[in-house]
């Protein structure tokens, strides 16, 4: 169940941050952006541990923070390349 919560949280944060930053959910390099959000969600949960809101063993708040930060960092890196 951990993996399901991780995927759902990361996908929702990915969609919201892409919509907020670019005005569209999909666009150029959306696969790389999605991978960055998934990795960020996993690392956020792993680094920040179990505090606040934990569902099925996944720290939702830390996953949101990690996914958002990694997706934002990826958008900065991809803008500089292109």
PDB file of N, CA and C in Angstrom:
ATOM      1  N   UNK A   1       0.812  -1.190   0.000  1.00  0.00           N
ATOM      2  CA  UNK A   1       0.000   0.000   0.000  1.00  0.00           C
ATOM      3  C   UNK A   1       0.863   1.265   0.000  1.00  0.00           C
ATOM      4  N   UNK A   2       2.084   1.142   0.535  1.00  0.00           N
ATOM      5  CA  UNK A   2       3.022   2.261   0.532  1.00  0.00           C
ATOM      6  C   UNK A   2       3.246   2.776  -0.887  1.00  0.00           C
ATOM      7  N   UNK A   3       3.462   1.856  -1.815  1.00  0.00           N
ATOM      8  CA  UNK A   3       3.775   2.250  -3.195  1.00  0.00           C
ATOM      9  C   UNK A   3       2.599   2.921  -3.880  1.00  0.00           C
ATOM     10  N   UNK A   4       1.406   2.519  -3.539  1.00  0.00           N
ATOM     11  CA  UNK A   4       0.215   3.141  -4.118  1.00  0.00           C
ATOM     12  C   UNK A   4       0.096   4.589  -3.629  1.00  0.00           C
ATOM     13  N   UNK A   5       0.265   4.799  -2.338  1.00  0.00           N
ATOM     14  CA  UNK A   5       0.200   6.162  -1.788  1.00  0.00           C
ATOM     15  C   UNK A   5       1.322   7.027  -2.360  1.00  0.00           C
ATOM     16  N   UNK A   6       2.513   6.464  -2.477  1.00  0.00           N
ATOM     17  CA  UNK A   6       3.655   7.191  -3.045  1.00  0.00           C
ATOM     18  C   UNK A   6       3.355   7.634  -4.476  1.00  0.00           C
ATOM     19  N   UNK A   7       2.814   6.738  -5.276  1.00  0.00           N
ATOM     20  CA  UNK A   7       2.513   7.062  -6.666  1.00  0.00           C
ATOM     21  C   UNK A   7       1.398   8.106  -6.771  1.00  0.00           C
ATOM     22  N   UNK A   8       0.358   7.972  -5.972  1.00  0.00           N
ATOM     23  CA  UNK A   8      -0.756   8.912  -6.024  1.00  0.00           C
ATOM     24  C   UNK A   8      -0.312  10.306  -5.611  1.00  0.00           C
ATOM     25  N   UNK A   9       0.400  10.404  -4.490  1.00  0.00           N
ATOM     26  CA  UNK A   9       0.856  11.715  -4.013  1.00  0.00           C
ATOM     27  C   UNK A   9       1.800  12.350  -5.023  1.00  0.00           C
ATOM     28  N   UNK A  10       2.742  11.583  -5.536  1.00  0.00           N
ATOM     29  CA  UNK A  10       3.710  12.127  -6.491  1.00  0.00           C
ATOM     30  C   UNK A  10       3.036  12.575  -7.784  1.00  0.00           C
ATOM     31  N   UNK A  11       2.074  11.806  -8.283  1.00  0.00           N
ATOM     32  CA  UNK A  11       1.363  12.180  -9.508  1.00  0.00           C
ATOM     33  C   UNK A  11       0.530  13.450  -9.323  1.00  0.00           C
ATOM     34  N   UNK A  12      -0.132  13.563  -8.197  1.00  0.00           N
ATOM     35  CA  UNK A  12      -0.944  14.758  -7.942  1.00  0.00           C
ATOM     36  C   UNK A  12      -0.053  15.991  -7.832  1.00  0.00           C
ATOM     37  N   UNK A  13       1.038  15.882  -7.087  1.00  0.00           N
ATOM     38  CA  UNK A  13       1.948  17.020  -6.944  1.00  0.00           C
ATOM     39  C   UNK A  13       2.592  17.354  -8.283  1.00  0.00           C
ATOM     40  N   UNK A  14       2.950  16.351  -9.062  1.00  0.00           N
ATOM     41  CA  UNK A  14       3.531  16.575 -10.385  1.00  0.00           C
ATOM     42  C   UNK A  14       2.565  17.350 -11.269  1.00  0.00           C
ATOM     43  N   UNK A  15       1.318  16.938 -11.299  1.00  0.00           N
ATOM     44  CA  UNK A  15       0.328  17.620 -12.124  1.00  0.00           C
ATOM     45  C   UNK A  15       0.095  19.059 -11.681  1.00  0.00           C
ATOM     46  N   UNK A  16       0.002  19.273 -10.387  1.00  0.00           N
ATOM     47  CA  UNK A  16      -0.238  20.620  -9.871  1.00  0.00           C
ATOM     48  C   UNK A  16       0.957  21.533 -10.122  1.00  0.00           C
ATOM     49  N   UNK A  17       2.160  21.052  -9.865  1.00  0.00           N
ATOM     50  CA  UNK A  17       3.329  21.919 -10.070  1.00  0.00           C
ATOM     51  C   UNK A  17       3.567  22.193 -11.549  1.00  0.00           C
ATOM     52  N   UNK A  18       3.348  21.218 -12.415  1.00  0.00           N
ATOM     53  CA  UNK A  18       3.499  21.478 -13.852  1.00  0.00           C
ATOM     54  C   UNK A  18       2.457  22.468 -14.341  1.00  0.00           C
ATOM     55  N   UNK A  19       1.235  22.327 -13.872  1.00  0.00           N
ATOM     56  CA  UNK A  19       0.181  23.255 -14.261  1.00  0.00           C
ATOM     57  C   UNK A  19       0.494  24.664 -13.754  1.00  0.00           C
ATOM     58  N   UNK A  20       1.005  24.751 -12.564  1.00  0.00           N
ATOM     59  CA  UNK A  20       1.341  26.045 -11.974  1.00  0.00           C
ATOM     60  C   UNK A  20       2.530  26.704 -12.667  1.00  0.00           C
ATOM     61  N   UNK A  21       3.561  25.924 -12.987  1.00  0.00           N
ATOM     62  CA  UNK A  21       4.781  26.499 -13.559  1.00  0.00           C
ATOM     63  C   UNK A  21       4.683  26.737 -15.060  1.00  0.00           C
ATOM     64  N   UNK A  22       3.997  25.854 -15.793  1.00  0.00           N
ATOM     65  CA  UNK A  22       3.991  25.972 -17.251  1.00  0.00           C
ATOM     66  C   UNK A  22       2.621  26.306 -17.824  1.00  0.00           C
ATOM     67  N   UNK A  23       1.580  26.179 -17.045  1.00  0.00           N
ATOM     68  CA  UNK A  23       0.243  26.423 -17.551  1.00  0.00           C
ATOM     69  C   UNK A  23      -0.378  25.210 -18.218  1.00  0.00           C
ATOM     70  N   UNK A  24       0.344  24.105 -18.290  1.00  0.00           N
ATOM     71  CA  UNK A  24      -0.184  22.860 -18.849  1.00  0.00           C
ATOM     72  C   UNK A  24       0.438  21.685 -18.107  1.00  0.00           C
ATOM     73  N   UNK A  25      -0.296  20.586 -18.062  1.00  0.00           N
ATOM     74  CA  UNK A  25       0.196  19.423 -17.317  1.00  0.00           C
ATOM     75  C   UNK A  25       1.288  18.721 -18.109  1.00  0.00           C
ATOM     76  N   UNK A  26       1.064  18.472 -19.375  1.00  0.00           N
ATOM     77  CA  UNK A  26       2.086  17.836 -20.199  1.00  0.00           C
ATOM     78  C   UNK A  26       2.726  18.889 -21.090  1.00  0.00           C
ATOM     79  N   UNK A  27       3.914  18.636 -21.439  1.00  0.00           N
ATOM     80  CA  UNK A  27       4.644  19.558 -22.296  1.00  0.00           C
ATOM     81  C   UNK A  27       5.982  18.937 -22.641  1.00  0.00           C
ATOM     82  N   UNK A  28       6.931  19.779 -22.902  1.00  0.00           N
ATOM     83  CA  UNK A  28       8.262  19.296 -23.226  1.00  0.00           C
ATOM     84  C   UNK A  28       8.890  18.647 -21.996  1.00  0.00           C
ATOM     85  N   UNK A  29       9.495  17.508 -22.152  1.00  0.00           N
ATOM     86  CA  UNK A  29      10.191  16.780 -21.073  1.00  0.00           C
ATOM     87  C   UNK A  29       9.263  16.364 -19.933  1.00  0.00           C
ATOM     88  N   UNK A  30       8.036  16.012 -20.209  1.00  0.00           N
ATOM     89  CA  UNK A  30       7.134  15.666 -19.126  1.00  0.00           C
ATOM     90  C   UNK A  30       7.506  14.348 -18.456  1.00  0.00           C
ATOM     91  N   UNK A  31       8.125  13.443 -19.211  1.00  0.00           N
ATOM     92  CA  UNK A  31       8.563  12.177 -18.599  1.00  0.00           C
ATOM     93  C   UNK A  31       9.637  12.427 -17.551  1.00  0.00           C
ATOM     94  N   UNK A  32      10.600  13.270 -17.894  1.00  0.00           N
ATOM     95  CA  UNK A  32      11.670  13.582 -16.944  1.00  0.00           C
ATOM     96  C   UNK A  32      11.117  14.301 -15.725  1.00  0.00           C
ATOM     97  N   UNK A  33      10.160  15.173 -15.934  1.00  0.00           N
ATOM     98  CA  UNK A  33       9.518  15.879 -14.827  1.00  0.00           C
ATOM     99  C   UNK A  33       8.759  14.905 -13.925  1.00  0.00           C
ATOM    100  N   UNK A  34       8.088  13.944 -14.516  1.00  0.00           N
ATOM    101  CA  UNK A  34       7.367  12.934 -13.748  1.00  0.00           C
ATOM    102  C   UNK A  34       8.335  12.087 -12.928  1.00  0.00           C
ATOM    103  N   UNK A  35       9.424  11.684 -13.516  1.00  0.00           N
ATOM    104  CA  UNK A  35      10.425  10.893 -12.787  1.00  0.00           C
ATOM    105  C   UNK A  35      11.008  11.700 -11.634  1.00  0.00           C
ATOM    106  N   UNK A  36      11.267  12.985 -11.858  1.00  0.00           N
ATOM    107  CA  UNK A  36      11.778  13.842 -10.788  1.00  0.00           C
ATOM    108  C   UNK A  36      10.782  13.921  -9.631  1.00  0.00           C
ATOM    109  N   UNK A  37       9.491  14.028  -9.938  1.00  0.00           N
ATOM    110  CA  UNK A  37       8.469  14.082  -8.894  1.00  0.00           C
ATOM    111  C   UNK A  37       8.386  12.758  -8.131  1.00  0.00           C
ATOM    112  N   UNK A  38       8.480  11.646  -8.839  1.00  0.00           N
ATOM    113  CA  UNK A  38       8.438  10.338  -8.175  1.00  0.00           C
ATOM    114  C   UNK A  38       9.650  10.130  -7.267  1.00  0.00           C
ATOM    115  N   UNK A  39      10.818  10.476  -7.765  1.00  0.00           N
ATOM    116  CA  UNK A  39      12.032  10.346  -6.952  1.00  0.00           C
ATOM    117  C   UNK A  39      11.958  11.282  -5.748  1.00  0.00           C
ATOM    118  N   UNK A  40      11.478  12.498  -5.973  1.00  0.00           N
ATOM    119  CA  UNK A  40      11.349  13.452  -4.885  1.00  0.00           C
ATOM    120  C   UNK A  40      10.384  12.992  -3.809  1.00  0.00           C
ATOM    121  N   UNK A  41       9.284  12.399  -4.216  1.00  0.00           N
ATOM    122  CA  UNK A  41       8.332  11.870  -3.243  1.00  0.00           C
ATOM    123  C   UNK A  41       8.919  10.761  -2.410  1.00  0.00           C
ATOM    124  N   UNK A  42       9.654   9.879  -3.048  1.00  0.00           N
ATOM    125  CA  UNK A  42      10.284   8.784  -2.315  1.00  0.00           C
ATOM    126  C   UNK A  42      11.373   9.305  -1.384  1.00  0.00           C
ATOM    127  N   UNK A  43      12.226  10.195  -1.883  1.00  0.00           N
ATOM    128  CA  UNK A  43      13.287  10.742  -1.041  1.00  0.00           C
ATOM    129  C   UNK A  43      12.741  11.594   0.103  1.00  0.00           C
ATOM    130  N   UNK A  44      11.680  12.341  -0.170  1.00  0.00           N
ATOM    131  CA  UNK A  44      11.067  13.129   0.894  1.00  0.00           C
ATOM    132  C   UNK A  44      10.576  12.250   2.030  1.00  0.00           C
ATOM    133  N   UNK A  45       9.925  11.163   1.691  1.00  0.00           N
ATOM    134  CA  UNK A  45       9.454  10.232   2.718  1.00  0.00           C
ATOM    135  C   UNK A  45      10.625   9.587   3.441  1.00  0.00           C
ATOM    136  N   UNK A  46      11.629   9.204   2.721  1.00  0.00           N
ATOM    137  CA  UNK A  46      12.783   8.520   3.311  1.00  0.00           C
ATOM    138  C   UNK A  46      13.589   9.448   4.216  1.00  0.00           C
ATOM    139  N   UNK A  47      13.823  10.677   3.769  1.00  0.00           N
ATOM    140  CA  UNK A  47      14.651  11.605   4.546  1.00  0.00           C
ATOM    141  C   UNK A  47      13.925  12.181   5.759  1.00  0.00           C
ATOM    142  N   UNK A  48      12.669  12.525   5.607  1.00  0.00           N
ATOM    143  CA  UNK A  48      11.953  13.190   6.691  1.00  0.00           C
ATOM    144  C   UNK A  48      11.271  12.232   7.658  1.00  0.00           C
ATOM    145  N   UNK A  49      11.205  10.969   7.319  1.00  0.00           N
ATOM    146  CA  UNK A  49      10.705   9.959   8.245  1.00  0.00           C
ATOM    147  C   UNK A  49       9.207  10.036   8.497  1.00  0.00           C
ATOM    148  N   UNK A  50       8.783   9.415   9.587  1.00  0.00           N
ATOM    149  CA  UNK A  50       7.368   9.310   9.929  1.00  0.00           C
ATOM    150  C   UNK A  50       6.979  10.371  10.955  1.00  0.00           C
ATOM    151  N   UNK A  51       6.441  11.467  10.469  1.00  0.00           N
ATOM    152  CA  UNK A  51       5.917  12.512  11.338  1.00  0.00           C
ATOM    153  C   UNK A  51       4.700  13.113  10.662  1.00  0.00           C
ATOM    154  N   UNK A  52       3.854  13.705  11.416  1.00  0.00           N
ATOM    155  CA  UNK A  52       2.616  14.323  10.953  1.00  0.00           C
ATOM    156  C   UNK A  52       1.690  13.309  10.295  1.00  0.00           C
ATOM    157  N   UNK A  53       1.430  13.429   9.005  1.00  0.00           N
ATOM    158  CA  UNK A  53       0.363  12.669   8.367  1.00  0.00           C
ATOM    159  C   UNK A  53       0.927  11.474   7.608  1.00  0.00           C
ATOM    160  N   UNK A  54       0.829  10.286   8.219  1.00  0.00           N
ATOM    161  CA  UNK A  54       1.332   9.051   7.620  1.00  0.00           C
ATOM    162  C   UNK A  54       0.139   8.180   7.234  1.00  0.00           C
ATOM    163  N   UNK A  55       0.082   7.810   5.962  1.00  0.00           N
ATOM    164  CA  UNK A  55      -0.986   6.946   5.456  1.00  0.00           C
ATOM    165  C   UNK A  55      -0.335   5.740   4.804  1.00  0.00           C
ATOM    166  N   UNK A  56      -0.686   4.557   5.261  1.00  0.00           N
ATOM    167  CA  UNK A  56      -0.159   3.291   4.721  1.00  0.00           C
ATOM    168  C   UNK A  56       1.365   3.268   4.745  1.00  0.00           C
ATOM    169  N   UNK A  57       1.950   3.846   5.776  1.00  0.00           N
ATOM    170  CA  UNK A  57       3.398   3.849   5.902  1.00  0.00           C
ATOM    171  C   UNK A  57       4.099   4.925   5.091  1.00  0.00           C
ATOM    172  N   UNK A  58       3.349   5.775   4.409  1.00  0.00           N
ATOM    173  CA  UNK A  58       3.935   6.836   3.591  1.00  0.00           C
ATOM    174  C   UNK A  58       3.631   8.186   4.220  1.00  0.00           C
ATOM    175  N   UNK A  59       4.666   8.991   4.429  1.00  0.00           N
ATOM    176  CA  UNK A  59       4.513  10.329   4.995  1.00  0.00           C
ATOM    177  C   UNK A  59       4.057  11.270   3.878  1.00  0.00           C
ATOM    178  N   UNK A  60       2.790  11.625   3.895  1.00  0.00           N
ATOM    179  CA  UNK A  60       2.188  12.401   2.813  1.00  0.00           C
ATOM    180  C   UNK A  60       2.803  13.805   2.738  1.00  0.00           C
ATOM    181  N   UNK A  61       2.977  14.456   3.862  1.00  0.00           N
ATOM    182  CA  UNK A  61       3.522  15.819   3.876  1.00  0.00           C
ATOM    183  C   UNK A  61       4.945  15.826   3.325  1.00  0.00           C
ATOM    184  N   UNK A  62       5.774  14.895   3.768  1.00  0.00           N
ATOM    185  CA  UNK A  62       7.149  14.816   3.278  1.00  0.00           C
ATOM    186  C   UNK A  62       7.180  14.470   1.792  1.00  0.00           C
ATOM    187  N   UNK A  63       6.264  13.615   1.337  1.00  0.00           N
ATOM    188  CA  UNK A  63       6.189  13.276  -0.082  1.00  0.00           C
ATOM    189  C   UNK A  63       5.809  14.465  -0.932  1.00  0.00           C
ATOM    190  N   UNK A  64       4.884  15.265  -0.441  1.00  0.00           N
ATOM    191  CA  UNK A  64       4.482  16.475  -1.162  1.00  0.00           C
ATOM    192  C   UNK A  64       5.651  17.447  -1.246  1.00  0.00           C
ATOM    193  N   UNK A  65       6.333  17.639  -0.145  1.00  0.00           N
ATOM    194  CA  UNK A  65       7.488  18.548  -0.127  1.00  0.00           C
ATOM    195  C   UNK A  65       8.568  18.056  -1.076  1.00  0.00           C
ATOM    196  N   UNK A  66       8.924  16.784  -0.982  1.00  0.00           N
ATOM    197  CA  UNK A  66       9.973  16.229  -1.840  1.00  0.00           C
ATOM    198  C   UNK A  66       9.615  16.279  -3.317  1.00  0.00           C
ATOM    199  N   UNK A  67       8.387  15.906  -3.654  1.00  0.00           N
ATOM    200  CA  UNK A  67       7.961  15.939  -5.057  1.00  0.00           C
ATOM    201  C   UNK A  67       7.953  17.349  -5.606  1.00  0.00           C
ATOM    202  N   UNK A  68       7.447  18.276  -4.821  1.00  0.00           N
ATOM    203  CA  UNK A  68       7.406  19.665  -5.266  1.00  0.00           C
ATOM    204  C   UNK A  68       8.786  20.254  -5.469  1.00  0.00           C
ATOM    205  N   UNK A  69       9.683  19.984  -4.538  1.00  0.00           N
ATOM    206  CA  UNK A  69      11.044  20.529  -4.640  1.00  0.00           C
ATOM    207  C   UNK A  69      11.783  19.925  -5.832  1.00  0.00           C
ATOM    208  N   UNK A  70      11.710  18.616  -5.976  1.00  0.00           N
ATOM    209  CA  UNK A  70      12.410  17.984  -7.092  1.00  0.00           C
ATOM    210  C   UNK A  70      11.838  18.401  -8.437  1.00  0.00           C
ATOM    211  N   UNK A  71      10.536  18.530  -8.544  1.00  0.00           N
ATOM    212  CA  UNK A  71       9.921  18.961  -9.797  1.00  0.00           C
ATOM    213  C   UNK A  71      10.308  20.405 -10.109  1.00  0.00           C
ATOM    214  N   UNK A  72      10.344  21.250  -9.101  1.00  0.00           N
ATOM    215  CA  UNK A  72      10.753  22.644  -9.291  1.00  0.00           C
ATOM    216  C   UNK A  72      12.218  22.718  -9.717  1.00  0.00           C
ATOM    217  N   UNK A  73      13.083  21.930  -9.060  1.00  0.00           N
ATOM    218  CA  UNK A  73      14.496  21.918  -9.443  1.00  0.00           C
ATOM    219  C   UNK A  73      14.679  21.416 -10.869  1.00  0.00           C
ATOM    220  N   UNK A  74      13.909  20.400 -11.254  1.00  0.00           N
ATOM    221  CA  UNK A  74      14.020  19.899 -12.623  1.00  0.00           C
ATOM    222  C   UNK A  74      13.585  20.963 -13.621  1.00  0.00           C
ATOM    223  N   UNK A  75      12.557  21.725 -13.293  1.00  0.00           N
ATOM    224  CA  UNK A  75      12.119  22.769 -14.220  1.00  0.00           C
ATOM    225  C   UNK A  75      13.204  23.837 -14.376  1.00  0.00           C
ATOM    226  N   UNK A  76      13.912  24.150 -13.302  1.00  0.00           N
ATOM    227  CA  UNK A  76      15.010  25.106 -13.399  1.00  0.00           C
ATOM    228  C   UNK A  76      16.151  24.589 -14.269  1.00  0.00           C
ATOM    229  N   UNK A  77      16.497  23.321 -14.093  1.00  0.00           N
ATOM    230  CA  UNK A  77      17.580  22.714 -14.861  1.00  0.00           C
ATOM    231  C   UNK A  77      17.199  22.621 -16.347  1.00  0.00           C
ATOM    232  N   UNK A  78      15.971  22.199 -16.626  1.00  0.00           N
ATOM    233  CA  UNK A  78      15.564  22.044 -18.024  1.00  0.00           C
ATOM    234  C   UNK A  78      15.423  23.384 -18.743  1.00  0.00           C
ATOM    235  N   UNK A  79      15.065  24.436 -18.027  1.00  0.00           N
ATOM    236  CA  UNK A  79      15.000  25.770 -18.647  1.00  0.00           C
ATOM    237  C   UNK A  79      16.384  26.282 -19.034  1.00  0.00           C
ATOM    238  N   UNK A  80      17.391  25.968 -18.211  1.00  0.00           N
ATOM    239  CA  UNK A  80      18.741  26.411 -18.491  1.00  0.00           C
ATOM    240  C   UNK A  80      19.336  25.677 -19.683  1.00  0.00           C
ATOM    241  N   UNK A  81      18.950  24.418 -19.872  1.00  0.00           N
ATOM    242  CA  UNK A  81      19.461  23.636 -21.002  1.00  0.00           C
ATOM    243  C   UNK A  81      18.855  24.094 -22.323  1.00  0.00           C
ATOM    244  N   UNK A  82      17.588  24.436 -22.309  1.00  0.00           N
ATOM    245  CA  UNK A  82      16.870  24.713 -23.551  1.00  0.00           C
ATOM    246  C   UNK A  82      16.586  26.107 -23.772  1.00  0.00           C
TER     247      UNK A  82
END
